[in-house]
Amino acid sequence: MKRKGKILLTTAIGLVLLIAVVAAALNAVFTVTDVRVDFSVLSEEGMQDGYALQSELEERFVGSSTTFLDLGEVEELVKKYPAFSLDGLRKDFPRTLTLTLTERKETYAFRREDGGYAVLDGAGLYLYDKTENVNRRLGGNVLLEGFGLTAGEAGTPVTGEYFAEALVFCGTFAENLGDVRANIASLSLIPTGNAIEGDYFFRLRFQEGLYVDVYAPSHLTENKAMAVRARYLALTDAQRLYGFFDVVDSLDGGFTVSAHRDKLPF
């Protein structure tokens, strides 16, 4: 019986040692030795952020077990760089961690009460604060005023009154004209003081100097944006430098677009 017990003990110890050897061998094979990041950058600052992120990823995850690596930890690290959206993340066994990242386009900004500007991308996600309203790709961001905007953590949606309509309006307007910043300098939400006209209207200021007032912006938002775009494109270069036109709801449920006028409505 004693001899049988010794045999069983020896066998158990042998199995433990074998498992340990196999685990060590697997760990040696399935260990991250390369972090590959496919960056799509739009600016010099984006390239600098990319280098910094690549360095952090390598420092944090090279040497980790490919098998037991939690991709959630990788996602959390990427969140420290809100200028990038994470478009792809995978383990390429046995030794590679692969990411696909795209720099978000700075598009909008609003003034902070304590100074500076909160910068947003085209989808209305908060990215970061800046002391000046200067875009990474030169020029300025579309300045948003009067929306009562609130920004939470970086990479999360901004909230505000009529802000969803503002994103739809600007997005629709930019569909055929490219970057909305090329045409629109600012978008303001202004109370009308007239219940018949609705509670608020949008006031757009274009880069050239033209103003456009859009009443009842939550009604037929996309259609009104397309109508403004069409009227804007129909104006001469000289007309875009001054004056305004407006968009007002009509009794039949539609809306009308006025002619270009020389004097501003304020």
C-alpha atoms as a PDB file:
ATOM      1  CA  MET A   1       0.000   0.000   0.000  1.00  0.00           C
ATOM      2  CA  LYS A   2       2.855   2.360   0.867  1.00  0.00           C
ATOM      3  CA  ARG A   3       4.528   1.640  -2.432  1.00  0.00           C
ATOM      4  CA  LYS A   4       1.275   2.240  -4.312  1.00  0.00           C
ATOM      5  CA  GLY A   5       0.830   5.545  -2.488  1.00  0.00           C
ATOM      6  CA  LYS A   6       4.333   6.615  -3.414  1.00  0.00           C
ATOM      7  CA  ILE A   7       3.616   5.758  -7.075  1.00  0.00           C
ATOM      8  CA  LEU A   8       0.436   7.829  -7.026  1.00  0.00           C
ATOM      9  CA  LEU A   9       2.242  10.747  -5.400  1.00  0.00           C
ATOM     10  CA  THR A  10       5.073  10.542  -7.900  1.00  0.00           C
ATOM     11  CA  THR A  11       2.554  10.426 -10.756  1.00  0.00           C
ATOM     12  CA  ALA A  12       0.675  13.437  -9.391  1.00  0.00           C
ATOM     13  CA  ILE A  13       3.890  15.415  -9.001  1.00  0.00           C
ATOM     14  CA  GLY A  14       4.868  14.432 -12.535  1.00  0.00           C
ATOM     15  CA  LEU A  15       1.530  15.643 -13.899  1.00  0.00           C
ATOM     16  CA  VAL A  16       1.872  18.940 -12.062  1.00  0.00           C
ATOM     17  CA  LEU A  17       5.363  19.418 -13.434  1.00  0.00           C
ATOM     18  CA  LEU A  18       4.180  18.499 -16.930  1.00  0.00           C
ATOM     19  CA  ILE A  19       1.309  20.990 -16.734  1.00  0.00           C
ATOM     20  CA  ALA A  20       3.720  23.651 -15.523  1.00  0.00           C
ATOM     21  CA  VAL A  21       6.107  22.954 -18.394  1.00  0.00           C
ATOM     22  CA  VAL A  22       3.307  23.000 -20.954  1.00  0.00           C
ATOM     23  CA  ALA A  23       1.913  26.254 -19.477  1.00  0.00           C
ATOM     24  CA  ALA A  24       5.355  27.835 -19.572  1.00  0.00           C
ATOM     25  CA  ALA A  25       5.812  26.741 -23.174  1.00  0.00           C
ATOM     26  CA  LEU A  26       2.401  28.074 -24.193  1.00  0.00           C
ATOM     27  CA  ASN A  27       3.071  31.351 -22.374  1.00  0.00           C
ATOM     28  CA  ALA A  28       6.345  31.705 -24.249  1.00  0.00           C
ATOM     29  CA  VAL A  29       4.555  31.157 -27.579  1.00  0.00           C
ATOM     30  CA  PHE A  30       1.354  33.098 -26.857  1.00  0.00           C
ATOM     31  CA  THR A  31       2.921  36.315 -25.585  1.00  0.00           C
ATOM     32  CA  VAL A  32       2.390  39.736 -27.173  1.00  0.00           C
ATOM     33  CA  THR A  33       5.600  40.833 -28.863  1.00  0.00           C
ATOM     34  CA  ASP A  34       4.112  43.277 -31.391  1.00  0.00           C
ATOM     35  CA  VAL A  35       1.415  45.967 -31.217  1.00  0.00           C
ATOM     36  CA  ARG A  36       0.351  46.946 -34.721  1.00  0.00           C
ATOM     37  CA  VAL A  37      -1.711  50.127 -35.053  1.00  0.00           C
ATOM     38  CA  ASP A  38      -3.196  51.257 -38.346  1.00  0.00           C
ATOM     39  CA  PHE A  39      -3.607  55.009 -37.861  1.00  0.00           C
ATOM     40  CA  SER A  40      -5.634  57.261 -40.166  1.00  0.00           C
ATOM     41  CA  VAL A  41      -4.634  60.792 -39.149  1.00  0.00           C
ATOM     42  CA  LEU A  42      -5.788  64.176 -40.417  1.00  0.00           C
ATOM     43  CA  SER A  43      -3.407  66.563 -38.707  1.00  0.00           C
ATOM     44  CA  GLU A  44       0.073  67.025 -37.291  1.00  0.00           C
ATOM     45  CA  GLU A  45      -1.362  66.938 -33.767  1.00  0.00           C
ATOM     46  CA  GLY A  46      -3.116  63.690 -34.613  1.00  0.00           C
ATOM     47  CA  MET A  47       0.196  62.196 -35.698  1.00  0.00           C
ATOM     48  CA  GLN A  48       1.800  63.246 -32.413  1.00  0.00           C
ATOM     49  CA  ASP A  49      -1.089  61.709 -30.459  1.00  0.00           C
ATOM     50  CA  GLY A  50      -0.642  58.549 -32.507  1.00  0.00           C
ATOM     51  CA  TYR A  51       3.023  58.235 -31.553  1.00  0.00           C
ATOM     52  CA  ALA A  52       2.179  58.751 -27.881  1.00  0.00           C
ATOM     53  CA  LEU A  53      -0.613  56.178 -27.959  1.00  0.00           C
ATOM     54  CA  GLN A  54       1.551  53.626 -29.770  1.00  0.00           C
ATOM     55  CA  SER A  55       4.208  54.032 -27.094  1.00  0.00           C
ATOM     56  CA  GLU A  56       1.704  53.547 -24.269  1.00  0.00           C
ATOM     57  CA  LEU A  57       0.200  50.469 -25.904  1.00  0.00           C
ATOM     58  CA  GLU A  58       3.611  48.841 -26.292  1.00  0.00           C
ATOM     59  CA  GLU A  59       4.661  49.695 -22.754  1.00  0.00           C
ATOM     60  CA  ARG A  60       1.435  48.341 -21.308  1.00  0.00           C
ATOM     61  CA  PHE A  61       0.785  45.198 -23.354  1.00  0.00           C
ATOM     62  CA  VAL A  62       4.029  43.860 -24.855  1.00  0.00           C
ATOM     63  CA  GLY A  63       4.925  40.834 -22.739  1.00  0.00           C
ATOM     64  CA  SER A  64       1.307  40.133 -21.787  1.00  0.00           C
ATOM     65  CA  SER A  65      -0.307  36.774 -22.458  1.00  0.00           C
ATOM     66  CA  THR A  66      -2.075  36.876 -25.815  1.00  0.00           C
ATOM     67  CA  THR A  67      -4.555  34.283 -24.583  1.00  0.00           C
ATOM     68  CA  PHE A  68      -5.553  36.011 -21.368  1.00  0.00           C
ATOM     69  CA  LEU A  69      -5.239  39.633 -22.527  1.00  0.00           C
ATOM     70  CA  ASP A  70      -8.468  41.508 -21.813  1.00  0.00           C
ATOM     71  CA  LEU A  71      -9.297  43.653 -24.850  1.00  0.00           C
ATOM     72  CA  GLY A  72     -11.414  45.823 -22.565  1.00  0.00           C
ATOM     73  CA  GLU A  73      -8.182  47.075 -21.007  1.00  0.00           C
ATOM     74  CA  VAL A  74      -6.958  48.088 -24.454  1.00  0.00           C
ATOM     75  CA  GLU A  75     -10.203  49.983 -25.103  1.00  0.00           C
ATOM     76  CA  GLU A  76      -9.844  51.839 -21.803  1.00  0.00           C
ATOM     77  CA  LEU A  77      -6.329  52.949 -22.714  1.00  0.00           C
ATOM     78  CA  VAL A  78      -7.464  54.203 -26.123  1.00  0.00           C
ATOM     79  CA  LYS A  79     -10.146  56.311 -24.405  1.00  0.00           C
ATOM     80  CA  LYS A  80      -7.341  58.464 -22.985  1.00  0.00           C
ATOM     81  CA  TYR A  81      -6.934  59.731 -26.554  1.00  0.00           C
ATOM     82  CA  PRO A  82     -10.431  60.962 -27.489  1.00  0.00           C
ATOM     83  CA  ALA A  83      -9.182  62.376 -30.793  1.00  0.00           C
ATOM     84  CA  PHE A  84      -9.243  58.771 -32.065  1.00  0.00           C
ATOM     85  CA  SER A  85     -12.132  56.438 -32.706  1.00  0.00           C
ATOM     86  CA  LEU A  86     -11.370  52.741 -32.270  1.00  0.00           C
ATOM     87  CA  ASP A  87     -12.557  51.083 -35.490  1.00  0.00           C
ATOM     88  CA  GLY A  88     -10.952  47.683 -35.057  1.00  0.00           C
ATOM     89  CA  LEU A  89      -9.330  45.627 -32.281  1.00  0.00           C
ATOM     90  CA  ARG A  90      -8.240  41.998 -32.344  1.00  0.00           C
ATOM     91  CA  LYS A  91      -5.661  39.471 -31.203  1.00  0.00           C
ATOM     92  CA  ASP A  92      -3.664  37.998 -34.073  1.00  0.00           C
ATOM     93  CA  PHE A  93      -2.358  34.819 -32.504  1.00  0.00           C
ATOM     94  CA  PRO A  94       0.138  33.945 -31.391  1.00  0.00           C
ATOM     95  CA  ARG A  95       1.965  37.233 -30.699  1.00  0.00           C
ATOM     96  CA  THR A  96       0.285  40.324 -32.172  1.00  0.00           C
ATOM     97  CA  LEU A  97      -2.249  42.865 -30.927  1.00  0.00           C
ATOM     98  CA  THR A  98      -3.806  44.789 -33.847  1.00  0.00           C
ATOM     99  CA  LEU A  99      -5.775  48.066 -33.693  1.00  0.00           C
ATOM    100  CA  THR A 100      -7.364  50.333 -36.304  1.00  0.00           C
ATOM    101  CA  LEU A 101      -7.762  53.978 -35.269  1.00  0.00           C
ATOM    102  CA  THR A 102      -9.144  57.032 -37.076  1.00  0.00           C
ATOM    103  CA  GLU A 103      -8.657  60.627 -36.005  1.00  0.00           C
ATOM    104  CA  ARG A 104     -12.009  62.280 -35.404  1.00  0.00           C
ATOM    105  CA  LYS A 105     -12.667  65.535 -37.279  1.00  0.00           C
ATOM    106  CA  GLU A 106     -12.870  68.591 -35.076  1.00  0.00           C
ATOM    107  CA  THR A 107     -16.021  70.347 -36.304  1.00  0.00           C
ATOM    108  CA  TYR A 108     -17.845  72.338 -33.610  1.00  0.00           C
ATOM    109  CA  ALA A 109     -16.944  74.348 -30.522  1.00  0.00           C
ATOM    110  CA  PHE A 110     -18.776  76.196 -27.764  1.00  0.00           C
ATOM    111  CA  ARG A 111     -17.529  78.655 -25.165  1.00  0.00           C
ATOM    112  CA  ARG A 112     -16.976  77.472 -21.618  1.00  0.00           C
ATOM    113  CA  GLU A 113     -18.355  79.715 -18.880  1.00  0.00           C
ATOM    114  CA  ASP A 114     -14.944  79.838 -17.231  1.00  0.00           C
ATOM    115  CA  GLY A 115     -13.102  80.523 -20.491  1.00  0.00           C
ATOM    116  CA  GLY A 116     -11.822  78.520 -23.403  1.00  0.00           C
ATOM    117  CA  TYR A 117     -13.750  76.265 -25.770  1.00  0.00           C
ATOM    118  CA  ALA A 118     -15.064  72.731 -25.703  1.00  0.00           C
ATOM    119  CA  VAL A 119     -14.343  71.044 -29.047  1.00  0.00           C
ATOM    120  CA  LEU A 120     -16.678  68.481 -30.653  1.00  0.00           C
ATOM    121  CA  ASP A 121     -16.491  66.194 -33.656  1.00  0.00           C
ATOM    122  CA  GLY A 122     -19.050  66.069 -36.464  1.00  0.00           C
ATOM    123  CA  ALA A 123     -21.266  63.627 -34.557  1.00  0.00           C
ATOM    124  CA  GLY A 124     -21.426  65.889 -31.494  1.00  0.00           C
ATOM    125  CA  LEU A 125     -18.984  63.945 -29.315  1.00  0.00           C
ATOM    126  CA  TYR A 126     -16.948  65.976 -26.860  1.00  0.00           C
ATOM    127  CA  LEU A 127     -13.231  65.653 -27.550  1.00  0.00           C
ATOM    128  CA  TYR A 128     -11.271  68.108 -25.389  1.00  0.00           C
ATOM    129  CA  ASP A 129     -10.947  71.759 -24.401  1.00  0.00           C
ATOM    130  CA  LYS A 130      -8.859  74.441 -26.108  1.00  0.00           C
ATOM    131  CA  THR A 131      -7.984  77.978 -25.128  1.00  0.00           C
ATOM    132  CA  GLU A 132      -8.786  79.208 -28.655  1.00  0.00           C
ATOM    133  CA  ASN A 133     -11.313  78.102 -31.257  1.00  0.00           C
ATOM    134  CA  VAL A 134      -8.675  76.846 -33.680  1.00  0.00           C
ATOM    135  CA  ASN A 135      -9.119  73.652 -35.673  1.00  0.00           C
ATOM    136  CA  ARG A 136      -6.351  71.070 -35.976  1.00  0.00           C
ATOM    137  CA  ARG A 137      -6.757  71.210 -39.747  1.00  0.00           C
ATOM    138  CA  LEU A 138      -6.468  75.026 -39.849  1.00  0.00           C
ATOM    139  CA  GLY A 139      -9.278  77.558 -39.607  1.00  0.00           C
ATOM    140  CA  GLY A 140     -11.858  77.565 -36.856  1.00  0.00           C
ATOM    141  CA  ASN A 141     -14.625  75.230 -35.723  1.00  0.00           C
ATOM    142  CA  VAL A 142     -18.293  76.080 -36.205  1.00  0.00           C
ATOM    143  CA  LEU A 143     -19.118  78.130 -33.116  1.00  0.00           C
ATOM    144  CA  LEU A 144     -22.317  77.007 -31.360  1.00  0.00           C
ATOM    145  CA  GLU A 145     -24.101  79.603 -29.241  1.00  0.00           C
ATOM    146  CA  GLY A 146     -27.270  79.608 -27.153  1.00  0.00           C
ATOM    147  CA  PHE A 147     -27.801  75.843 -27.031  1.00  0.00           C
ATOM    148  CA  GLY A 148     -26.983  75.435 -23.329  1.00  0.00           C
ATOM    149  CA  LEU A 149     -24.549  72.671 -24.172  1.00  0.00           C
ATOM    150  CA  THR A 150     -23.194  70.295 -21.549  1.00  0.00           C
ATOM    151  CA  ALA A 151     -20.132  68.111 -22.082  1.00  0.00           C
ATOM    152  CA  GLY A 152     -19.382  65.075 -19.947  1.00  0.00           C
ATOM    153  CA  GLU A 153     -16.439  62.710 -20.322  1.00  0.00           C
ATOM    154  CA  ALA A 154     -14.279  62.862 -23.415  1.00  0.00           C
ATOM    155  CA  GLY A 155     -15.689  60.721 -26.209  1.00  0.00           C
ATOM    156  CA  THR A 156     -19.300  61.011 -25.021  1.00  0.00           C
ATOM    157  CA  PRO A 157     -22.193  62.902 -26.707  1.00  0.00           C
ATOM    158  CA  VAL A 158     -22.816  66.534 -25.822  1.00  0.00           C
ATOM    159  CA  THR A 159     -26.362  67.456 -24.812  1.00  0.00           C
ATOM    160  CA  GLY A 160     -28.279  70.682 -25.249  1.00  0.00           C
ATOM    161  CA  GLU A 161     -31.544  72.261 -26.353  1.00  0.00           C
ATOM    162  CA  TYR A 162     -32.172  71.760 -30.085  1.00  0.00           C
ATOM    163  CA  PHE A 163     -28.666  70.340 -30.423  1.00  0.00           C
ATOM    164  CA  ALA A 164     -29.866  67.197 -32.221  1.00  0.00           C
ATOM    165  CA  GLU A 165     -31.594  69.407 -34.798  1.00  0.00           C
ATOM    166  CA  ALA A 166     -28.434  71.480 -35.176  1.00  0.00           C
ATOM    167  CA  LEU A 167     -26.402  68.350 -35.987  1.00  0.00           C
ATOM    168  CA  VAL A 168     -28.980  67.189 -38.528  1.00  0.00           C
ATOM    169  CA  PHE A 169     -29.141  70.642 -40.103  1.00  0.00           C
ATOM    170  CA  CYS A 170     -25.393  71.077 -40.460  1.00  0.00           C
ATOM    171  CA  GLY A 171     -24.867  67.478 -41.530  1.00  0.00           C
ATOM    172  CA  THR A 172     -27.479  67.780 -44.259  1.00  0.00           C
ATOM    173  CA  PHE A 173     -26.082  71.102 -45.410  1.00  0.00           C
ATOM    174  CA  ALA A 174     -22.580  69.645 -45.706  1.00  0.00           C
ATOM    175  CA  GLU A 175     -23.513  66.503 -47.644  1.00  0.00           C
ATOM    176  CA  ASN A 176     -22.661  67.971 -51.048  1.00  0.00           C
ATOM    177  CA  LEU A 177     -20.316  70.731 -49.890  1.00  0.00           C
ATOM    178  CA  GLY A 178     -17.841  68.740 -47.815  1.00  0.00           C
ATOM    179  CA  ASP A 179     -16.623  70.074 -44.486  1.00  0.00           C
ATOM    180  CA  VAL A 180     -19.347  72.242 -42.922  1.00  0.00           C
ATOM    181  CA  ARG A 181     -16.635  74.551 -41.573  1.00  0.00           C
ATOM    182  CA  ALA A 182     -15.862  75.700 -45.108  1.00  0.00           C
ATOM    183  CA  ASN A 183     -19.205  77.505 -45.300  1.00  0.00           C
ATOM    184  CA  ILE A 184     -20.707  78.006 -41.842  1.00  0.00           C
ATOM    185  CA  ALA A 185     -18.832  80.091 -39.269  1.00  0.00           C
ATOM    186  CA  SER A 186     -21.402  79.931 -36.448  1.00  0.00           C
ATOM    187  CA  LEU A 187     -24.840  78.619 -35.549  1.00  0.00           C
ATOM    188  CA  SER A 188     -26.886  80.282 -32.810  1.00  0.00           C
ATOM    189  CA  LEU A 189     -30.122  79.275 -31.093  1.00  0.00           C
ATOM    190  CA  ILE A 190     -32.140  82.438 -30.449  1.00  0.00           C
ATOM    191  CA  PRO A 191     -35.525  82.849 -28.720  1.00  0.00           C
ATOM    192  CA  THR A 192     -38.126  84.405 -31.019  1.00  0.00           C
ATOM    193  CA  GLY A 193     -40.332  86.107 -28.437  1.00  0.00           C
ATOM    194  CA  ASN A 194     -43.221  85.190 -30.731  1.00  0.00           C
ATOM    195  CA  ALA A 195     -45.265  82.055 -30.044  1.00  0.00           C
ATOM    196  CA  ILE A 196     -46.605  82.023 -33.613  1.00  0.00           C
ATOM    197  CA  GLU A 197     -43.115  81.704 -35.050  1.00  0.00           C
ATOM    198  CA  GLY A 198     -42.090  79.092 -32.486  1.00  0.00           C
ATOM    199  CA  ASP A 199     -39.959  79.336 -29.367  1.00  0.00           C
ATOM    200  CA  TYR A 200     -36.565  79.515 -31.106  1.00  0.00           C
ATOM    201  CA  PHE A 201     -34.885  79.955 -34.445  1.00  0.00           C
ATOM    202  CA  PHE A 202     -31.465  79.127 -35.859  1.00  0.00           C
ATOM    203  CA  ARG A 203     -29.228  81.942 -37.027  1.00  0.00           C
ATOM    204  CA  LEU A 204     -26.431  80.853 -39.316  1.00  0.00           C
ATOM    205  CA  ARG A 205     -23.485  83.090 -40.075  1.00  0.00           C
ATOM    206  CA  PHE A 206     -21.613  82.092 -43.182  1.00  0.00           C
ATOM    207  CA  GLN A 207     -17.902  82.504 -43.713  1.00  0.00           C
ATOM    208  CA  GLU A 208     -18.404  85.197 -46.348  1.00  0.00           C
ATOM    209  CA  GLY A 209     -20.669  87.350 -44.175  1.00  0.00           C
ATOM    210  CA  LEU A 210     -24.194  86.216 -45.114  1.00  0.00           C
ATOM    211  CA  TYR A 211     -26.755  85.489 -42.366  1.00  0.00           C
ATOM    212  CA  VAL A 212     -29.687  83.049 -42.561  1.00  0.00           C
ATOM    213  CA  ASP A 213     -32.536  82.737 -40.035  1.00  0.00           C
ATOM    214  CA  VAL A 214     -34.363  79.391 -39.879  1.00  0.00           C
ATOM    215  CA  TYR A 215     -37.594  79.406 -37.858  1.00  0.00           C
ATOM    216  CA  ALA A 216     -39.136  76.311 -36.223  1.00  0.00           C
ATOM    217  CA  PRO A 217     -35.894  74.370 -36.711  1.00  0.00           C
ATOM    218  CA  SER A 218     -37.317  71.099 -35.397  1.00  0.00           C
ATOM    219  CA  HIS A 219     -39.958  71.061 -38.181  1.00  0.00           C
ATOM    220  CA  LEU A 220     -38.753  69.607 -41.519  1.00  0.00           C
ATOM    221  CA  THR A 221     -35.159  70.112 -40.406  1.00  0.00           C
ATOM    222  CA  GLU A 222     -33.491  68.268 -43.280  1.00  0.00           C
ATOM    223  CA  ASN A 223     -35.752  69.851 -45.907  1.00  0.00           C
ATOM    224  CA  LYS A 224     -35.010  73.318 -44.585  1.00  0.00           C
ATOM    225  CA  ALA A 225     -31.283  72.610 -44.586  1.00  0.00           C
ATOM    226  CA  MET A 226     -31.442  71.503 -48.224  1.00  0.00           C
ATOM    227  CA  ALA A 227     -33.461  74.592 -49.114  1.00  0.00           C
ATOM    228  CA  VAL A 228     -30.920  76.869 -47.414  1.00  0.00           C
ATOM    229  CA  ARG A 229     -28.112  75.102 -49.235  1.00  0.00           C
ATOM    230  CA  ALA A 230     -29.859  75.514 -52.587  1.00  0.00           C
ATOM    231  CA  ARG A 231     -30.544  79.229 -52.016  1.00  0.00           C
ATOM    232  CA  TYR A 232     -26.992  79.816 -50.796  1.00  0.00           C
ATOM    233  CA  LEU A 233     -25.516  78.179 -53.893  1.00  0.00           C
ATOM    234  CA  ALA A 234     -27.826  80.222 -56.118  1.00  0.00           C
ATOM    235  CA  LEU A 235     -26.540  83.525 -54.720  1.00  0.00           C
ATOM    236  CA  THR A 236     -23.800  85.435 -56.476  1.00  0.00           C
ATOM    237  CA  ASP A 237     -20.400  85.730 -54.824  1.00  0.00           C
ATOM    238  CA  ALA A 238     -21.193  89.358 -54.031  1.00  0.00           C
ATOM    239  CA  GLN A 239     -24.552  88.514 -52.375  1.00  0.00           C
ATOM    240  CA  ARG A 240     -22.853  86.052 -50.052  1.00  0.00           C
ATOM    241  CA  LEU A 241     -20.809  88.892 -48.577  1.00  0.00           C
ATOM    242  CA  TYR A 242     -23.730  90.688 -46.897  1.00  0.00           C
ATOM    243  CA  GLY A 243     -27.439  90.650 -46.029  1.00  0.00           C
ATOM    244  CA  PHE A 244     -29.631  87.711 -45.182  1.00  0.00           C
ATOM    245  CA  PHE A 245     -32.579  85.536 -46.082  1.00  0.00           C
ATOM    246  CA  ASP A 246     -34.902  83.536 -43.850  1.00  0.00           C
ATOM    247  CA  VAL A 247     -36.915  80.324 -43.762  1.00  0.00           C
ATOM    248  CA  VAL A 248     -40.414  80.557 -42.274  1.00  0.00           C
ATOM    249  CA  ASP A 249     -43.161  77.939 -41.884  1.00  0.00           C
ATOM    250  CA  SER A 250     -46.260  78.397 -44.005  1.00  0.00           C
ATOM    251  CA  LEU A 251     -49.911  77.707 -43.191  1.00  0.00           C
ATOM    252  CA  ASP A 252     -50.031  74.640 -45.451  1.00  0.00           C
ATOM    253  CA  GLY A 253     -47.511  72.806 -43.282  1.00  0.00           C
ATOM    254  CA  GLY A 254     -44.539  73.583 -45.477  1.00  0.00           C
ATOM    255  CA  PHE A 255     -42.191  76.562 -45.418  1.00  0.00           C
ATOM    256  CA  THR A 256     -41.006  79.425 -47.590  1.00  0.00           C
ATOM    257  CA  VAL A 257     -37.528  80.734 -48.297  1.00  0.00           C
ATOM    258  CA  SER A 258     -37.323  84.501 -48.712  1.00  0.00           C
ATOM    259  CA  ALA A 259     -35.331  86.402 -51.273  1.00  0.00           C
ATOM    260  CA  HIS A 260     -31.937  87.784 -50.363  1.00  0.00           C
ATOM    261  CA  ARG A 261     -32.285  91.097 -48.498  1.00  0.00           C
ATOM    262  CA  ASP A 262     -29.706  93.775 -47.898  1.00  0.00           C
ATOM    263  CA  LYS A 263     -30.454  94.681 -44.315  1.00  0.00           C
ATOM    264  CA  LEU A 264     -30.104  92.323 -41.395  1.00  0.00           C
ATOM    265  CA  PRO A 265     -33.185  91.662 -39.231  1.00  0.00           C
ATOM    266  CA  PHE A 266     -31.628  93.111 -36.074  1.00  0.00           C
END
